[in-house]
Amino acid sequence: MNSAFNAGSSGGTTTAGLLLGQMSLPVGFVAAAVPALASTATALVRPGRTLRPAAATKTATAAADMSADVR
């Protein structure tokens, strides 16, 4: 079973490589970017997602303390 799965994966990768090898370079870049853009769009449009304001960081607090000491 494992050998058949590995053969299928290898065959699919070979086929994808042969198909993408025939495309121009800009089209290849677009094809490579599609999965990353699709996952980002899915994460941003996910229903029920609530945005929370960023919490104050220690660095920002330390910088505010230093500026108060200078005055």
N, C-alpha and C. Protein backbone atom coordinates (compact mmCIF):
# COMPACT_ATOMS: atom_id res chain seq x y z
N MET A 1 0.83 -1.19 0.00
CA MET A 1 0.00 0.00 0.00
C MET A 1 0.88 1.26 0.00
N ASN A 2 1.90 1.25 0.83
CA ASN A 2 2.78 2.42 0.92
C ASN A 2 3.50 2.66 -0.41
N SER A 3 3.93 1.58 -1.05
CA SER A 3 4.63 1.73 -2.33
C SER A 3 3.72 2.34 -3.39
N ALA A 4 2.44 1.93 -3.38
CA ALA A 4 1.50 2.49 -4.36
C ALA A 4 1.27 3.98 -4.07
N PHE A 5 1.17 4.34 -2.80
CA PHE A 5 0.98 5.75 -2.44
C PHE A 5 2.18 6.57 -2.88
N ASN A 6 3.38 6.07 -2.60
CA ASN A 6 4.60 6.79 -2.98
C ASN A 6 4.72 6.91 -4.49
N ALA A 7 4.34 5.87 -5.22
CA ALA A 7 4.41 5.92 -6.68
C ALA A 7 3.42 6.96 -7.22
N GLY A 8 2.25 7.04 -6.61
CA GLY A 8 1.27 8.04 -7.04
C GLY A 8 1.77 9.45 -6.79
N SER A 9 2.38 9.67 -5.63
CA SER A 9 2.92 10.99 -5.32
C SER A 9 4.04 11.36 -6.28
N SER A 10 4.92 10.41 -6.55
CA SER A 10 6.03 10.67 -7.46
C SER A 10 5.53 10.96 -8.88
N GLY A 11 4.54 10.19 -9.31
CA GLY A 11 3.98 10.41 -10.64
C GLY A 11 3.30 11.77 -10.76
N GLY A 12 2.58 12.16 -9.71
CA GLY A 12 1.91 13.47 -9.72
C GLY A 12 2.91 14.60 -9.74
N THR A 13 3.99 14.46 -8.96
CA THR A 13 5.02 15.49 -8.93
C THR A 13 5.72 15.60 -10.28
N THR A 14 5.98 14.47 -10.90
CA THR A 14 6.62 14.47 -12.21
C THR A 14 5.72 15.14 -13.25
N THR A 15 4.45 14.80 -13.23
CA THR A 15 3.51 15.39 -14.18
C THR A 15 3.40 16.90 -13.99
N ALA A 16 3.30 17.33 -12.72
CA ALA A 16 3.22 18.77 -12.45
C ALA A 16 4.48 19.47 -12.92
N GLY A 17 5.64 18.86 -12.70
CA GLY A 17 6.89 19.46 -13.14
C GLY A 17 6.97 19.58 -14.65
N LEU A 18 6.51 18.56 -15.35
CA LEU A 18 6.53 18.62 -16.82
C LEU A 18 5.57 19.68 -17.35
N LEU A 19 4.40 19.79 -16.73
CA LEU A 19 3.44 20.80 -17.17
C LEU A 19 3.93 22.21 -16.87
N LEU A 20 4.47 22.42 -15.68
CA LEU A 20 4.95 23.76 -15.32
C LEU A 20 6.22 24.12 -16.09
N GLY A 21 6.98 23.12 -16.52
CA GLY A 21 8.20 23.38 -17.29
C GLY A 21 7.91 23.97 -18.65
N GLN A 22 6.70 23.77 -19.16
CA GLN A 22 6.32 24.29 -20.47
C GLN A 22 5.82 25.73 -20.41
N MET A 23 5.57 26.23 -19.20
CA MET A 23 5.03 27.59 -19.04
C MET A 23 6.15 28.62 -19.02
N SER A 24 5.77 29.86 -19.28
CA SER A 24 6.75 30.94 -19.19
C SER A 24 7.04 31.23 -17.70
N LEU A 25 8.12 31.91 -17.43
CA LEU A 25 8.54 32.18 -16.07
C LEU A 25 7.50 32.99 -15.27
N PRO A 26 6.94 34.06 -15.82
CA PRO A 26 5.94 34.81 -15.05
C PRO A 26 4.71 33.97 -14.68
N VAL A 27 4.27 33.12 -15.59
CA VAL A 27 3.12 32.25 -15.30
C VAL A 27 3.49 31.26 -14.20
N GLY A 28 4.73 30.80 -14.20
CA GLY A 28 5.18 29.89 -13.14
C GLY A 28 5.17 30.57 -11.78
N PHE A 29 5.58 31.83 -11.72
CA PHE A 29 5.55 32.57 -10.46
C PHE A 29 4.11 32.74 -9.96
N VAL A 30 3.20 33.02 -10.87
CA VAL A 30 1.80 33.16 -10.49
C VAL A 30 1.26 31.82 -9.98
N ALA A 31 1.60 30.74 -10.66
CA ALA A 31 1.15 29.41 -10.23
C ALA A 31 1.70 29.07 -8.85
N ALA A 32 2.91 29.48 -8.57
CA ALA A 32 3.50 29.21 -7.27
C ALA A 32 2.88 30.06 -6.17
N ALA A 33 2.39 31.25 -6.51
CA ALA A 33 1.82 32.16 -5.52
C ALA A 33 0.36 31.85 -5.19
N VAL A 34 -0.33 31.15 -6.06
CA VAL A 34 -1.76 30.90 -5.86
C VAL A 34 -2.07 30.20 -4.53
N PRO A 35 -1.38 29.13 -4.13
CA PRO A 35 -1.72 28.48 -2.86
C PRO A 35 -1.53 29.41 -1.65
N ALA A 36 -0.48 30.20 -1.64
CA ALA A 36 -0.24 31.10 -0.51
C ALA A 36 -1.32 32.18 -0.46
N LEU A 37 -1.69 32.74 -1.60
CA LEU A 37 -2.73 33.76 -1.63
C LEU A 37 -4.09 33.20 -1.26
N ALA A 38 -4.37 31.97 -1.71
CA ALA A 38 -5.66 31.35 -1.39
C ALA A 38 -5.78 31.07 0.11
N SER A 39 -4.70 30.61 0.73
CA SER A 39 -4.78 30.34 2.17
C SER A 39 -4.88 31.63 2.97
N THR A 40 -4.23 32.69 2.52
CA THR A 40 -4.34 33.98 3.19
C THR A 40 -5.76 34.53 3.07
N ALA A 41 -6.33 34.45 1.89
CA ALA A 41 -7.70 34.94 1.69
C ALA A 41 -8.69 34.15 2.54
N THR A 42 -8.49 32.83 2.63
CA THR A 42 -9.36 32.00 3.44
C THR A 42 -9.27 32.38 4.91
N ALA A 43 -8.07 32.64 5.39
CA ALA A 43 -7.88 33.00 6.79
C ALA A 43 -8.50 34.36 7.10
N LEU A 44 -8.46 35.29 6.16
CA LEU A 44 -8.99 36.63 6.40
C LEU A 44 -10.51 36.69 6.32
N VAL A 45 -11.12 35.80 5.54
CA VAL A 45 -12.55 35.85 5.32
C VAL A 45 -13.29 34.81 6.17
N ARG A 46 -12.60 34.13 7.03
CA ARG A 46 -13.20 33.07 7.84
C ARG A 46 -14.36 33.63 8.65
N PRO A 47 -15.56 32.99 8.59
CA PRO A 47 -16.71 33.50 9.34
C PRO A 47 -16.52 33.32 10.85
N GLY A 48 -17.06 34.27 11.60
CA GLY A 48 -16.96 34.19 13.05
C GLY A 48 -15.66 34.70 13.61
N ARG A 49 -14.81 35.24 12.77
CA ARG A 49 -13.51 35.73 13.22
C ARG A 49 -13.70 37.14 13.76
N THR A 50 -13.22 37.38 14.96
CA THR A 50 -13.30 38.72 15.54
C THR A 50 -11.91 39.30 15.66
N LEU A 51 -11.79 40.56 15.34
CA LEU A 51 -10.50 41.23 15.42
C LEU A 51 -10.39 41.89 16.79
N ARG A 52 -9.26 41.69 17.42
CA ARG A 52 -9.01 42.32 18.72
C ARG A 52 -7.89 43.32 18.57
N PRO A 53 -7.95 44.43 19.30
CA PRO A 53 -6.84 45.39 19.22
C PRO A 53 -5.58 44.77 19.80
N ALA A 54 -4.45 45.18 19.28
CA ALA A 54 -3.18 44.65 19.75
C ALA A 54 -2.93 45.11 21.18
N ALA A 55 -2.39 44.21 21.98
CA ALA A 55 -2.07 44.55 23.37
C ALA A 55 -0.77 45.34 23.41
N ALA A 56 -0.63 46.16 24.43
CA ALA A 56 0.61 46.94 24.59
C ALA A 56 1.76 45.99 24.88
N THR A 57 2.88 46.28 24.28
CA THR A 57 4.04 45.42 24.47
C THR A 57 4.95 45.99 25.54
N LYS A 58 5.82 45.15 26.06
CA LYS A 58 6.76 45.61 27.09
C LYS A 58 7.72 46.65 26.51
N THR A 59 8.07 46.50 25.25
CA THR A 59 8.99 47.44 24.62
C THR A 59 8.37 48.84 24.57
N ALA A 60 7.11 48.91 24.20
CA ALA A 60 6.44 50.21 24.13
C ALA A 60 6.34 50.82 25.52
N THR A 61 6.06 50.01 26.54
CA THR A 61 5.96 50.52 27.90
C THR A 61 7.31 51.00 28.39
N ALA A 62 8.36 50.24 28.10
CA ALA A 62 9.70 50.64 28.51
C ALA A 62 10.11 51.94 27.84
N ALA A 63 9.77 52.10 26.57
CA ALA A 63 10.11 53.33 25.86
C ALA A 63 9.35 54.52 26.46
N ALA A 64 8.10 54.32 26.83
CA ALA A 64 7.33 55.40 27.46
C ALA A 64 7.93 55.77 28.82
N ASP A 65 8.38 54.77 29.58
CA ASP A 65 9.00 55.04 30.88
C ASP A 65 10.28 55.83 30.70
N MET A 66 11.09 55.49 29.69
CA MET A 66 12.35 56.21 29.47
C MET A 66 12.09 57.65 29.06
N SER A 67 11.08 57.88 28.21
CA SER A 67 10.81 59.24 27.78
C SER A 67 10.27 60.07 28.94
N ALA A 68 9.57 59.44 29.86
CA ALA A 68 9.08 60.17 31.04
C ALA A 68 10.23 60.53 31.97
N ASP A 69 11.27 59.69 32.04
CA ASP A 69 12.42 59.97 32.91
C ASP A 69 13.26 61.12 32.36
N VAL A 70 13.28 61.29 31.05
CA VAL A 70 14.10 62.32 30.42
C VAL A 70 13.55 63.71 30.71
N ARG A 71 12.26 63.84 30.84
CA ARG A 71 11.64 65.15 31.04
C ARG A 71 11.96 65.72 32.34
